[in-house]
């Protein structure tokens, strides 16, 4: 069982839709995989959200806590 120390909460705004996503340290290989899996975004970049083509835009603001942890 995961503890709160390993929990990560993200507030996401996508096309004026607000969502809060919760995950745990090392649950996903990247932020792009997390967003694709949790938000079911249509047309999430030409590469399907794996972060290889730079056609989607992710703007990260307001990081709190240890930003060096892997998602």
C-alpha atoms as a PDB file:
ATOM      1  CA  UNK A   1       0.000   0.000   0.000  1.00  0.00           C
ATOM      2  CA  UNK A   2       1.271   3.467  -0.884  1.00  0.00           C
ATOM      3  CA  UNK A   3       1.596   6.065   1.858  1.00  0.00           C
ATOM      4  CA  UNK A   4       0.910   9.795   1.652  1.00  0.00           C
ATOM      5  CA  UNK A   5       4.643  10.518   1.450  1.00  0.00           C
ATOM      6  CA  UNK A   6       4.644   8.901  -2.002  1.00  0.00           C
ATOM      7  CA  UNK A   7       1.419  10.562  -3.164  1.00  0.00           C
ATOM      8  CA  UNK A   8       1.487  13.283  -5.837  1.00  0.00           C
ATOM      9  CA  UNK A   9      -1.505  15.540  -6.563  1.00  0.00           C
ATOM     10  CA  UNK A  10      -1.710  17.575  -9.763  1.00  0.00           C
ATOM     11  CA  UNK A  11      -4.254  20.258 -10.634  1.00  0.00           C
ATOM     12  CA  UNK A  12      -4.687  20.262 -14.411  1.00  0.00           C
ATOM     13  CA  UNK A  13      -6.388  22.852 -16.610  1.00  0.00           C
ATOM     14  CA  UNK A  14      -7.046  21.631 -20.157  1.00  0.00           C
ATOM     15  CA  UNK A  15      -9.228  23.666 -22.535  1.00  0.00           C
ATOM     16  CA  UNK A  16     -10.943  25.357 -19.562  1.00  0.00           C
ATOM     17  CA  UNK A  17     -11.658  22.000 -17.886  1.00  0.00           C
ATOM     18  CA  UNK A  18     -10.215  21.582 -14.382  1.00  0.00           C
ATOM     19  CA  UNK A  19      -9.169  18.196 -13.024  1.00  0.00           C
ATOM     20  CA  UNK A  20      -7.214  16.994 -10.024  1.00  0.00           C
ATOM     21  CA  UNK A  21      -5.086  13.942 -10.688  1.00  0.00           C
ATOM     22  CA  UNK A  22      -3.539  11.794  -8.000  1.00  0.00           C
ATOM     23  CA  UNK A  23      -0.690   9.398  -8.564  1.00  0.00           C
ATOM     24  CA  UNK A  24       2.259   7.960  -6.673  1.00  0.00           C
ATOM     25  CA  UNK A  25       6.018   8.199  -7.026  1.00  0.00           C
ATOM     26  CA  UNK A  26       7.239   5.884  -9.837  1.00  0.00           C
ATOM     27  CA  UNK A  27       3.696   4.957 -10.959  1.00  0.00           C
ATOM     28  CA  UNK A  28       4.292   6.458 -14.440  1.00  0.00           C
ATOM     29  CA  UNK A  29       7.429   6.778 -16.539  1.00  0.00           C
ATOM     30  CA  UNK A  30       6.594  10.387 -17.482  1.00  0.00           C
ATOM     31  CA  UNK A  31       4.123  13.210 -17.002  1.00  0.00           C
ATOM     32  CA  UNK A  32       2.930  12.698 -20.585  1.00  0.00           C
ATOM     33  CA  UNK A  33       1.978   9.047 -19.909  1.00  0.00           C
ATOM     34  CA  UNK A  34       0.146  10.109 -16.747  1.00  0.00           C
ATOM     35  CA  UNK A  35      -1.866  12.809 -18.529  1.00  0.00           C
ATOM     36  CA  UNK A  36      -2.768  10.515 -21.414  1.00  0.00           C
ATOM     37  CA  UNK A  37      -3.827   7.708 -19.071  1.00  0.00           C
ATOM     38  CA  UNK A  38      -5.825   9.760 -16.568  1.00  0.00           C
ATOM     39  CA  UNK A  39      -7.431  12.430 -18.770  1.00  0.00           C
ATOM     40  CA  UNK A  40      -8.197  10.453 -21.965  1.00  0.00           C
ATOM     41  CA  UNK A  41      -7.289  13.453 -24.124  1.00  0.00           C
ATOM     42  CA  UNK A  42      -8.252  13.382 -27.801  1.00  0.00           C
ATOM     43  CA  UNK A  43      -5.481  14.265 -30.247  1.00  0.00           C
ATOM     44  CA  UNK A  44      -2.838  14.444 -27.523  1.00  0.00           C
ATOM     45  CA  UNK A  45       0.070  15.314 -29.789  1.00  0.00           C
ATOM     46  CA  UNK A  46       1.060  13.669 -33.040  1.00  0.00           C
ATOM     47  CA  UNK A  47       2.968  10.965 -31.140  1.00  0.00           C
ATOM     48  CA  UNK A  48       0.005  10.094 -28.903  1.00  0.00           C
ATOM     49  CA  UNK A  49       1.384  11.723 -25.785  1.00  0.00           C
ATOM     50  CA  UNK A  50       4.732  10.016 -25.409  1.00  0.00           C
ATOM     51  CA  UNK A  51       6.667  13.292 -25.551  1.00  0.00           C
ATOM     52  CA  UNK A  52       8.625  12.718 -28.760  1.00  0.00           C
ATOM     53  CA  UNK A  53       7.146  15.222 -31.209  1.00  0.00           C
ATOM     54  CA  UNK A  54       6.611  18.447 -29.195  1.00  0.00           C
ATOM     55  CA  UNK A  55       3.198  19.104 -30.784  1.00  0.00           C
ATOM     56  CA  UNK A  56       1.349  19.344 -27.462  1.00  0.00           C
ATOM     57  CA  UNK A  57       1.950  22.077 -24.922  1.00  0.00           C
ATOM     58  CA  UNK A  58       2.344  21.378 -21.214  1.00  0.00           C
ATOM     59  CA  UNK A  59       2.962  24.397 -18.998  1.00  0.00           C
ATOM     60  CA  UNK A  60       3.971  23.564 -15.424  1.00  0.00           C
ATOM     61  CA  UNK A  61       3.305  26.211 -12.762  1.00  0.00           C
ATOM     62  CA  UNK A  62       3.248  26.359  -8.978  1.00  0.00           C
ATOM     63  CA  UNK A  63       5.371  23.356  -8.064  1.00  0.00           C
ATOM     64  CA  UNK A  64       5.193  22.583  -4.352  1.00  0.00           C
ATOM     65  CA  UNK A  65       7.296  20.001  -2.594  1.00  0.00           C
ATOM     66  CA  UNK A  66      10.100  17.926  -4.087  1.00  0.00           C
ATOM     67  CA  UNK A  67       9.983  18.581  -7.830  1.00  0.00           C
ATOM     68  CA  UNK A  68      12.860  16.146  -8.478  1.00  0.00           C
ATOM     69  CA  UNK A  69      10.728  13.087  -7.765  1.00  0.00           C
ATOM     70  CA  UNK A  70       9.732  10.838 -10.634  1.00  0.00           C
ATOM     71  CA  UNK A  71       6.029  10.460 -11.328  1.00  0.00           C
END
